[in-house]
Amino acid sequence: MLVIPESEIRRHGPGRALAVCWRQWRAERRLTRRGVRFRDTDADAVAAAYAAMSEREFDAINGRQDWANWRTIPRALSGHVPDRPLRVLDLGCGAGSSTQVLAFYCPSGSHVTGYEIAEPLLAFARRRDYRHRDGNHARVDFVCQGITETFLQANGQPVPDGSVDLVNASGVVGHHLTPATFPGLRAELVRLLGPDGVALLDIGPTLRGEALRPLMTEAGFHYLGHHKSWFGDPTGEMAFSRINAQS
């Protein structure tokens, strides 16, 4: 299994959490004054809000999430995925910050596809530099679509059944889905993940952990744990496997 030491996790990613939060607060205030509100569960409203942002504005309002991603994602990966090239889907990738973390920490040779409903954000994402920890370029591509639809490959064809090793969601499931809208995504997780596939799903104000966990276990997934960016993090990611980690 892939093992990522905590000492390595602490060496990478953005620092100065208070400065990140201050920048986010100021950006959200400016966007609100312009009538741009992105905290919504309606997919079209969310897409329109993100499309109205500049790259700098999105980076600012996503700053706290980016800070958390560099800590939460590797902790959720460690001990849960095989140490071999993985087929990875990154849901709600925005401008590519979570995709960058996955490209960095997933085993060398992995293929990561980022999904985002707002095309302007994908233009930002495609300009990023995606590298593995070994310094080599990572294999990354992107698809513009929502996360409750049938997932497509970059060539427009559906992602084959059972072909995915890892699905990651950092800031989209718990912030834009609800218990009523989540089953569409859950059906795709069942279809796509292989026998030892893993789903790392964020929790938040619209879909909390106490609601997400039974929704996943009802579909045959096994709960692996709740991983956070720091001990006081009210969100983080819950990890689920298609098989019992102890079997």
C-alpha atoms as a PDB file:
ATOM      1  CA  MET A   1       0.000   0.000   0.000  1.00  0.00           C
ATOM      2  CA  LEU A   2       1.063   3.584  -0.560  1.00  0.00           C
ATOM      3  CA  VAL A   3       2.494   5.105   2.621  1.00  0.00           C
ATOM      4  CA  ILE A   4       3.078   8.848   2.943  1.00  0.00           C
ATOM      5  CA  PRO A   5       4.921   9.867   6.134  1.00  0.00           C
ATOM      6  CA  GLU A   6       3.408  12.695   8.146  1.00  0.00           C
ATOM      7  CA  SER A   7       6.795  14.435   8.117  1.00  0.00           C
ATOM      8  CA  GLU A   8       6.623  14.648   4.318  1.00  0.00           C
ATOM      9  CA  ILE A   9       3.035  15.946   4.341  1.00  0.00           C
ATOM     10  CA  ARG A  10       4.067  18.803   6.615  1.00  0.00           C
ATOM     11  CA  ARG A  11       6.860  19.847   4.229  1.00  0.00           C
ATOM     12  CA  HIS A  12       4.627  20.554   1.230  1.00  0.00           C
ATOM     13  CA  GLY A  13       1.756  22.829   0.357  1.00  0.00           C
ATOM     14  CA  PRO A  14       0.864  26.445   1.207  1.00  0.00           C
ATOM     15  CA  GLY A  15       1.478  27.788   4.694  1.00  0.00           C
ATOM     16  CA  ARG A  16       0.252  30.778   6.707  1.00  0.00           C
ATOM     17  CA  ALA A  17      -3.317  29.593   7.289  1.00  0.00           C
ATOM     18  CA  LEU A  18      -4.431  32.901   8.827  1.00  0.00           C
ATOM     19  CA  ALA A  19      -3.263  34.857   5.788  1.00  0.00           C
ATOM     20  CA  VAL A  20      -5.099  32.412   3.515  1.00  0.00           C
ATOM     21  CA  CYS A  21      -8.338  32.829   5.501  1.00  0.00           C
ATOM     22  CA  TRP A  22      -8.042  36.639   5.483  1.00  0.00           C
ATOM     23  CA  ARG A  23      -7.568  36.696   1.706  1.00  0.00           C
ATOM     24  CA  GLN A  24     -10.574  34.396   1.238  1.00  0.00           C
ATOM     25  CA  TRP A  25     -12.813  36.533   3.452  1.00  0.00           C
ATOM     26  CA  ARG A  26     -11.921  39.711   1.550  1.00  0.00           C
ATOM     27  CA  ALA A  27     -12.512  38.038  -1.835  1.00  0.00           C
ATOM     28  CA  GLU A  28     -15.901  36.670  -0.760  1.00  0.00           C
ATOM     29  CA  ARG A  29     -16.981  40.124   0.395  1.00  0.00           C
ATOM     30  CA  ARG A  30     -16.071  41.633  -2.973  1.00  0.00           C
ATOM     31  CA  LEU A  31     -17.879  38.876  -4.871  1.00  0.00           C
ATOM     32  CA  THR A  32     -21.001  39.248  -2.733  1.00  0.00           C
ATOM     33  CA  ARG A  33     -21.109  42.959  -3.495  1.00  0.00           C
ATOM     34  CA  ARG A  34     -21.096  42.049  -7.188  1.00  0.00           C
ATOM     35  CA  GLY A  35     -23.925  39.569  -6.649  1.00  0.00           C
ATOM     36  CA  VAL A  36     -21.703  36.503  -7.172  1.00  0.00           C
ATOM     37  CA  ARG A  37     -22.783  33.778  -4.741  1.00  0.00           C
ATOM     38  CA  PHE A  38     -21.208  30.357  -5.146  1.00  0.00           C
ATOM     39  CA  ARG A  39     -22.439  28.637  -1.974  1.00  0.00           C
ATOM     40  CA  ASP A  40     -25.419  26.898  -3.558  1.00  0.00           C
ATOM     41  CA  THR A  41     -26.707  23.390  -4.249  1.00  0.00           C
ATOM     42  CA  ASP A  42     -28.084  24.259  -7.703  1.00  0.00           C
ATOM     43  CA  ALA A  43     -25.504  23.120 -10.265  1.00  0.00           C
ATOM     44  CA  ASP A  44     -26.335  25.837 -12.801  1.00  0.00           C
ATOM     45  CA  ALA A  45     -26.100  28.587 -10.171  1.00  0.00           C
ATOM     46  CA  VAL A  46     -22.743  27.265  -8.975  1.00  0.00           C
ATOM     47  CA  ALA A  47     -21.376  27.034 -12.520  1.00  0.00           C
ATOM     48  CA  ALA A  48     -22.495  30.597 -13.290  1.00  0.00           C
ATOM     49  CA  ALA A  49     -20.921  31.937 -10.101  1.00  0.00           C
ATOM     50  CA  TYR A  50     -17.571  30.289 -10.744  1.00  0.00           C
ATOM     51  CA  ALA A  51     -17.622  31.381 -14.384  1.00  0.00           C
ATOM     52  CA  ALA A  52     -18.002  35.000 -13.216  1.00  0.00           C
ATOM     53  CA  MET A  53     -14.747  34.884 -11.232  1.00  0.00           C
ATOM     54  CA  SER A  54     -11.274  35.779 -12.389  1.00  0.00           C
ATOM     55  CA  GLU A  55      -8.454  33.322 -11.814  1.00  0.00           C
ATOM     56  CA  ARG A  56      -7.183  35.454  -8.942  1.00  0.00           C
ATOM     57  CA  GLU A  57     -10.640  35.604  -7.326  1.00  0.00           C
ATOM     58  CA  PHE A  58     -11.109  31.851  -7.534  1.00  0.00           C
ATOM     59  CA  ASP A  59      -7.662  31.210  -6.082  1.00  0.00           C
ATOM     60  CA  ALA A  60      -8.557  33.516  -3.196  1.00  0.00           C
ATOM     61  CA  ILE A  61     -11.943  31.990  -2.358  1.00  0.00           C
ATOM     62  CA  ASN A  62     -10.433  28.520  -2.746  1.00  0.00           C
ATOM     63  CA  GLY A  63      -7.398  29.349  -0.633  1.00  0.00           C
ATOM     64  CA  ARG A  64      -8.533  27.643   2.545  1.00  0.00           C
ATOM     65  CA  GLN A  65      -9.551  24.538   0.566  1.00  0.00           C
ATOM     66  CA  ASP A  66      -6.185  24.480  -1.199  1.00  0.00           C
ATOM     67  CA  TRP A  67      -4.402  24.730   2.154  1.00  0.00           C
ATOM     68  CA  ALA A  68      -6.502  21.813   3.433  1.00  0.00           C
ATOM     69  CA  ASN A  69      -6.023  19.714   0.283  1.00  0.00           C
ATOM     70  CA  TRP A  70      -2.258  19.491   0.749  1.00  0.00           C
ATOM     71  CA  ARG A  71      -2.838  17.996   4.188  1.00  0.00           C
ATOM     72  CA  THR A  72      -6.108  16.063   3.901  1.00  0.00           C
ATOM     73  CA  ILE A  73      -5.600  14.290   0.572  1.00  0.00           C
ATOM     74  CA  PRO A  74      -2.228  12.637   1.343  1.00  0.00           C
ATOM     75  CA  ARG A  75      -3.486  11.570   4.782  1.00  0.00           C
ATOM     76  CA  ALA A  76      -6.528   9.988   3.147  1.00  0.00           C
ATOM     77  CA  LEU A  77      -4.395   8.292   0.482  1.00  0.00           C
ATOM     78  CA  SER A  78      -1.820   6.844   2.874  1.00  0.00           C
ATOM     79  CA  GLY A  79      -2.526   3.205   3.690  1.00  0.00           C
ATOM     80  CA  HIS A  80      -5.688   3.074   1.560  1.00  0.00           C
ATOM     81  CA  VAL A  81      -4.543   2.814  -2.080  1.00  0.00           C
ATOM     82  CA  PRO A  82      -2.088   0.427  -3.789  1.00  0.00           C
ATOM     83  CA  ASP A  83       1.453   1.635  -4.451  1.00  0.00           C
ATOM     84  CA  ARG A  84       1.153   1.273  -8.232  1.00  0.00           C
ATOM     85  CA  PRO A  85      -0.056   3.521 -11.078  1.00  0.00           C
ATOM     86  CA  LEU A  86      -3.684   4.441 -10.414  1.00  0.00           C
ATOM     87  CA  ARG A  87      -6.621   5.581 -12.531  1.00  0.00           C
ATOM     88  CA  VAL A  88      -7.918   8.600 -10.635  1.00  0.00           C
ATOM     89  CA  LEU A  89     -10.965  10.865 -11.014  1.00  0.00           C
ATOM     90  CA  ASP A  90     -10.886  14.245  -9.257  1.00  0.00           C
ATOM     91  CA  LEU A  91     -14.407  15.637  -8.855  1.00  0.00           C
ATOM     92  CA  GLY A  92     -15.098  19.364  -8.739  1.00  0.00           C
ATOM     93  CA  CYS A  93     -11.454  20.103  -9.472  1.00  0.00           C
ATOM     94  CA  GLY A  94     -11.983  23.846  -9.974  1.00  0.00           C
ATOM     95  CA  ALA A  95      -8.771  25.469 -11.164  1.00  0.00           C
ATOM     96  CA  GLY A  96      -6.799  22.273 -10.547  1.00  0.00           C
ATOM     97  CA  SER A  97      -5.478  22.680  -7.009  1.00  0.00           C
ATOM     98  CA  SER A  98      -6.737  19.290  -5.778  1.00  0.00           C
ATOM     99  CA  THR A  99      -5.614  17.706  -9.057  1.00  0.00           C
ATOM    100  CA  GLN A 100      -2.137  19.080  -8.419  1.00  0.00           C
ATOM    101  CA  VAL A 101      -2.037  17.408  -4.997  1.00  0.00           C
ATOM    102  CA  LEU A 102      -3.208  14.082  -6.441  1.00  0.00           C
ATOM    103  CA  ALA A 103      -0.643  14.255  -9.249  1.00  0.00           C
ATOM    104  CA  PHE A 104       2.063  14.934  -6.662  1.00  0.00           C
ATOM    105  CA  TYR A 105       1.184  12.173  -4.183  1.00  0.00           C
ATOM    106  CA  CYS A 106      -0.364   9.348  -6.238  1.00  0.00           C
ATOM    107  CA  PRO A 107       2.176   6.731  -7.384  1.00  0.00           C
ATOM    108  CA  SER A 108       4.289   7.635 -10.398  1.00  0.00           C
ATOM    109  CA  GLY A 109       2.569   6.700 -13.661  1.00  0.00           C
ATOM    110  CA  SER A 110      -0.949   7.451 -12.378  1.00  0.00           C
ATOM    111  CA  HIS A 111      -3.515   9.051 -14.697  1.00  0.00           C
ATOM    112  CA  VAL A 112      -5.653  11.789 -13.120  1.00  0.00           C
ATOM    113  CA  THR A 113      -8.749  13.260 -14.788  1.00  0.00           C
ATOM    114  CA  GLY A 114     -10.240  16.396 -13.268  1.00  0.00           C
ATOM    115  CA  TYR A 115     -13.961  17.168 -13.594  1.00  0.00           C
ATOM    116  CA  GLU A 116     -15.378  20.676 -13.343  1.00  0.00           C
ATOM    117  CA  ILE A 117     -18.729  22.114 -14.396  1.00  0.00           C
ATOM    118  CA  ALA A 118     -17.421  25.662 -15.033  1.00  0.00           C
ATOM    119  CA  GLU A 119     -15.388  25.754 -18.248  1.00  0.00           C
ATOM    120  CA  PRO A 120     -13.544  29.013 -17.361  1.00  0.00           C
ATOM    121  CA  LEU A 121     -12.031  27.294 -14.319  1.00  0.00           C
ATOM    122  CA  LEU A 122     -10.745  24.469 -16.508  1.00  0.00           C
ATOM    123  CA  ALA A 123      -8.911  27.052 -18.607  1.00  0.00           C
ATOM    124  CA  PHE A 124      -7.064  28.009 -15.425  1.00  0.00           C
ATOM    125  CA  ALA A 125      -6.516  24.344 -14.494  1.00  0.00           C
ATOM    126  CA  ARG A 126      -4.967  23.483 -17.850  1.00  0.00           C
ATOM    127  CA  ARG A 127      -2.287  26.146 -17.331  1.00  0.00           C
ATOM    128  CA  ARG A 128      -0.968  24.570 -14.131  1.00  0.00           C
ATOM    129  CA  ASP A 129       2.161  22.452 -13.959  1.00  0.00           C
ATOM    130  CA  TYR A 130       1.414  18.933 -12.694  1.00  0.00           C
ATOM    131  CA  ARG A 131       4.362  16.972 -11.357  1.00  0.00           C
ATOM    132  CA  HIS A 132       4.934  13.903  -9.248  1.00  0.00           C
ATOM    133  CA  ARG A 133       7.114  13.952  -6.145  1.00  0.00           C
ATOM    134  CA  ASP A 134       9.950  12.592  -8.275  1.00  0.00           C
ATOM    135  CA  GLY A 135       9.893  15.770 -10.374  1.00  0.00           C
ATOM    136  CA  ASN A 136       8.507  14.145 -13.524  1.00  0.00           C
ATOM    137  CA  HIS A 137       5.435  15.469 -15.309  1.00  0.00           C
ATOM    138  CA  ALA A 138       2.222  13.706 -14.325  1.00  0.00           C
ATOM    139  CA  ARG A 139      -0.433  12.458 -16.724  1.00  0.00           C
ATOM    140  CA  VAL A 140      -3.403  14.797 -16.227  1.00  0.00           C
ATOM    141  CA  ASP A 141      -6.429  15.739 -18.332  1.00  0.00           C
ATOM    142  CA  PHE A 142      -9.771  17.439 -17.767  1.00  0.00           C
ATOM    143  CA  VAL A 143     -13.459  17.110 -18.632  1.00  0.00           C
ATOM    144  CA  CYS A 144     -16.136  19.791 -18.321  1.00  0.00           C
ATOM    145  CA  GLN A 145     -19.206  18.201 -16.719  1.00  0.00           C
ATOM    146  CA  GLY A 146     -21.180  17.953 -13.496  1.00  0.00           C
ATOM    147  CA  ILE A 147     -20.535  15.248 -10.918  1.00  0.00           C
ATOM    148  CA  THR A 148     -24.005  13.656 -10.934  1.00  0.00           C
ATOM    149  CA  GLU A 149     -23.803  12.731 -14.638  1.00  0.00           C
ATOM    150  CA  THR A 150     -22.248   9.682 -16.318  1.00  0.00           C
ATOM    151  CA  PHE A 151     -18.519  10.333 -16.179  1.00  0.00           C
ATOM    152  CA  LEU A 152     -16.838  10.765 -19.538  1.00  0.00           C
ATOM    153  CA  GLN A 153     -13.228  10.443 -20.598  1.00  0.00           C
ATOM    154  CA  ALA A 154     -11.384  13.293 -22.280  1.00  0.00           C
ATOM    155  CA  ASN A 155     -12.250  11.663 -25.643  1.00  0.00           C
ATOM    156  CA  GLY A 156     -15.973  11.970 -24.895  1.00  0.00           C
ATOM    157  CA  GLN A 157     -16.564   8.261 -24.282  1.00  0.00           C
ATOM    158  CA  PRO A 158     -17.919   6.992 -20.930  1.00  0.00           C
ATOM    159  CA  VAL A 159     -15.319   5.913 -18.397  1.00  0.00           C
ATOM    160  CA  PRO A 160     -15.422   2.084 -18.542  1.00  0.00           C
ATOM    161  CA  ASP A 161     -17.119   0.163 -15.747  1.00  0.00           C
ATOM    162  CA  GLY A 162     -14.800  -0.965 -12.965  1.00  0.00           C
ATOM    163  CA  SER A 163     -11.783   0.831 -14.440  1.00  0.00           C
ATOM    164  CA  VAL A 164     -11.156   3.409 -11.692  1.00  0.00           C
ATOM    165  CA  ASP A 165      -8.923   2.926  -8.647  1.00  0.00           C
ATOM    166  CA  LEU A 166      -9.589   6.200  -6.841  1.00  0.00           C
ATOM    167  CA  VAL A 167     -12.271   8.897  -6.841  1.00  0.00           C
ATOM    168  CA  ASN A 168     -11.471  12.085  -4.929  1.00  0.00           C
ATOM    169  CA  ALA A 169     -13.763  14.990  -4.066  1.00  0.00           C
ATOM    170  CA  SER A 170     -12.356  17.991  -2.216  1.00  0.00           C
ATOM    171  CA  GLY A 171     -14.973  20.639  -1.513  1.00  0.00           C
ATOM    172  CA  VAL A 172     -17.809  19.679  -3.870  1.00  0.00           C
ATOM    173  CA  VAL A 173     -19.803  16.802  -2.336  1.00  0.00           C
ATOM    174  CA  GLY A 174     -20.286  18.259   1.133  1.00  0.00           C
ATOM    175  CA  HIS A 175     -20.755  21.801  -0.149  1.00  0.00           C
ATOM    176  CA  HIS A 176     -22.943  21.408  -3.248  1.00  0.00           C
ATOM    177  CA  LEU A 177     -24.749  18.038  -2.941  1.00  0.00           C
ATOM    178  CA  THR A 178     -27.475  16.995  -0.510  1.00  0.00           C
ATOM    179  CA  PRO A 179     -28.789  13.600   0.647  1.00  0.00           C
ATOM    180  CA  ALA A 180     -31.411  13.950  -2.113  1.00  0.00           C
ATOM    181  CA  THR A 181     -28.940  14.693  -4.936  1.00  0.00           C
ATOM    182  CA  PHE A 182     -26.086  12.416  -3.831  1.00  0.00           C
ATOM    183  CA  PRO A 183     -27.507   9.059  -5.098  1.00  0.00           C
ATOM    184  CA  GLY A 184     -26.687   9.968  -8.718  1.00  0.00           C
ATOM    185  CA  LEU A 185     -23.013  10.248  -7.839  1.00  0.00           C
ATOM    186  CA  ARG A 186     -23.174   7.151  -5.647  1.00  0.00           C
ATOM    187  CA  ALA A 187     -24.467   5.106  -8.599  1.00  0.00           C
ATOM    188  CA  GLU A 188     -21.469   6.234 -10.651  1.00  0.00           C
ATOM    189  CA  LEU A 189     -19.079   5.312  -7.829  1.00  0.00           C
ATOM    190  CA  VAL A 190     -20.572   1.808  -7.773  1.00  0.00           C
ATOM    191  CA  ARG A 191     -20.221   1.548 -11.552  1.00  0.00           C
ATOM    192  CA  LEU A 192     -16.716   2.943 -11.905  1.00  0.00           C
ATOM    193  CA  LEU A 193     -14.686   1.728  -8.948  1.00  0.00           C
ATOM    194  CA  GLY A 194     -12.920  -1.601  -9.250  1.00  0.00           C
ATOM    195  CA  PRO A 195     -13.088  -4.319  -6.555  1.00  0.00           C
ATOM    196  CA  ASP A 196     -10.425  -2.592  -4.431  1.00  0.00           C
ATOM    197  CA  GLY A 197     -11.380   0.962  -5.455  1.00  0.00           C
ATOM    198  CA  VAL A 198     -11.429   3.803  -2.950  1.00  0.00           C
ATOM    199  CA  ALA A 199     -13.583   6.954  -2.734  1.00  0.00           C
ATOM    200  CA  LEU A 200     -12.372   9.998  -0.783  1.00  0.00           C
ATOM    201  CA  LEU A 201     -15.404  12.257  -0.311  1.00  0.00           C
ATOM    202  CA  ASP A 202     -15.495  15.643   1.386  1.00  0.00           C
ATOM    203  CA  ILE A 203     -18.160  16.462   3.943  1.00  0.00           C
ATOM    204  CA  GLY A 204     -19.603  19.873   4.657  1.00  0.00           C
ATOM    205  CA  PRO A 205     -22.681  21.949   5.429  1.00  0.00           C
ATOM    206  CA  THR A 206     -24.972  20.486   2.737  1.00  0.00           C
ATOM    207  CA  LEU A 207     -23.944  16.826   3.181  1.00  0.00           C
ATOM    208  CA  ARG A 208     -22.524  16.062   6.596  1.00  0.00           C
ATOM    209  CA  GLY A 209     -20.629  12.984   7.672  1.00  0.00           C
ATOM    210  CA  GLU A 210     -23.523  11.533   9.639  1.00  0.00           C
ATOM    211  CA  ALA A 211     -25.599  11.538   6.438  1.00  0.00           C
ATOM    212  CA  LEU A 212     -22.858  10.535   3.973  1.00  0.00           C
ATOM    213  CA  ARG A 213     -21.619   7.491   5.846  1.00  0.00           C
ATOM    214  CA  PRO A 214     -24.913   5.530   5.866  1.00  0.00           C
ATOM    215  CA  LEU A 215     -25.581   6.516   2.246  1.00  0.00           C
ATOM    216  CA  MET A 216     -22.296   4.899   1.266  1.00  0.00           C
ATOM    217  CA  THR A 217     -22.543   1.815   3.489  1.00  0.00           C
ATOM    218  CA  GLU A 218     -26.043   1.131   2.134  1.00  0.00           C
ATOM    219  CA  ALA A 219     -24.430   0.818  -1.308  1.00  0.00           C
ATOM    220  CA  GLY A 220     -21.914  -1.764  -0.064  1.00  0.00           C
ATOM    221  CA  PHE A 221     -18.971   0.523   0.661  1.00  0.00           C
ATOM    222  CA  HIS A 222     -16.820   0.053   3.767  1.00  0.00           C
ATOM    223  CA  TYR A 223     -15.916   3.057   5.879  1.00  0.00           C
ATOM    224  CA  LEU A 224     -12.152   3.497   6.294  1.00  0.00           C
ATOM    225  CA  GLY A 225     -11.960   6.681   8.335  1.00  0.00           C
ATOM    226  CA  HIS A 226     -12.285  10.455   8.474  1.00  0.00           C
ATOM    227  CA  HIS A 227      -9.215  12.487   7.555  1.00  0.00           C
ATOM    228  CA  LYS A 228      -8.698  16.169   8.361  1.00  0.00           C
ATOM    229  CA  SER A 229      -6.292  18.982   7.562  1.00  0.00           C
ATOM    230  CA  TRP A 230      -5.930  19.671  11.306  1.00  0.00           C
ATOM    231  CA  PHE A 231      -7.574  18.411  14.494  1.00  0.00           C
ATOM    232  CA  GLY A 232     -10.160  21.219  14.537  1.00  0.00           C
ATOM    233  CA  ASP A 233     -11.198  20.841  10.887  1.00  0.00           C
ATOM    234  CA  PRO A 234     -15.041  20.532  10.792  1.00  0.00           C
ATOM    235  CA  THR A 235     -14.976  19.075   7.265  1.00  0.00           C
ATOM    236  CA  GLY A 236     -12.200  16.913   5.783  1.00  0.00           C
ATOM    237  CA  GLU A 237     -12.700  13.747   3.740  1.00  0.00           C
ATOM    238  CA  MET A 238     -14.245  10.383   4.534  1.00  0.00           C
ATOM    239  CA  ALA A 239     -12.589   7.362   2.925  1.00  0.00           C
ATOM    240  CA  PHE A 240     -14.617   4.406   1.631  1.00  0.00           C
ATOM    241  CA  SER A 241     -13.545   1.155  -0.006  1.00  0.00           C
ATOM    242  CA  ARG A 242     -15.352  -1.391  -2.155  1.00  0.00           C
ATOM    243  CA  ILE A 243     -13.787  -4.098   0.019  1.00  0.00           C
ATOM    244  CA  ASN A 244     -13.268  -4.457   3.731  1.00  0.00           C
ATOM    245  CA  ALA A 245      -9.792  -3.156   4.491  1.00  0.00           C
ATOM    246  CA  GLN A 246      -9.398  -5.889   7.102  1.00  0.00           C
ATOM    247  CA  SER A 247     -10.310  -8.781   4.811  1.00  0.00           C
END
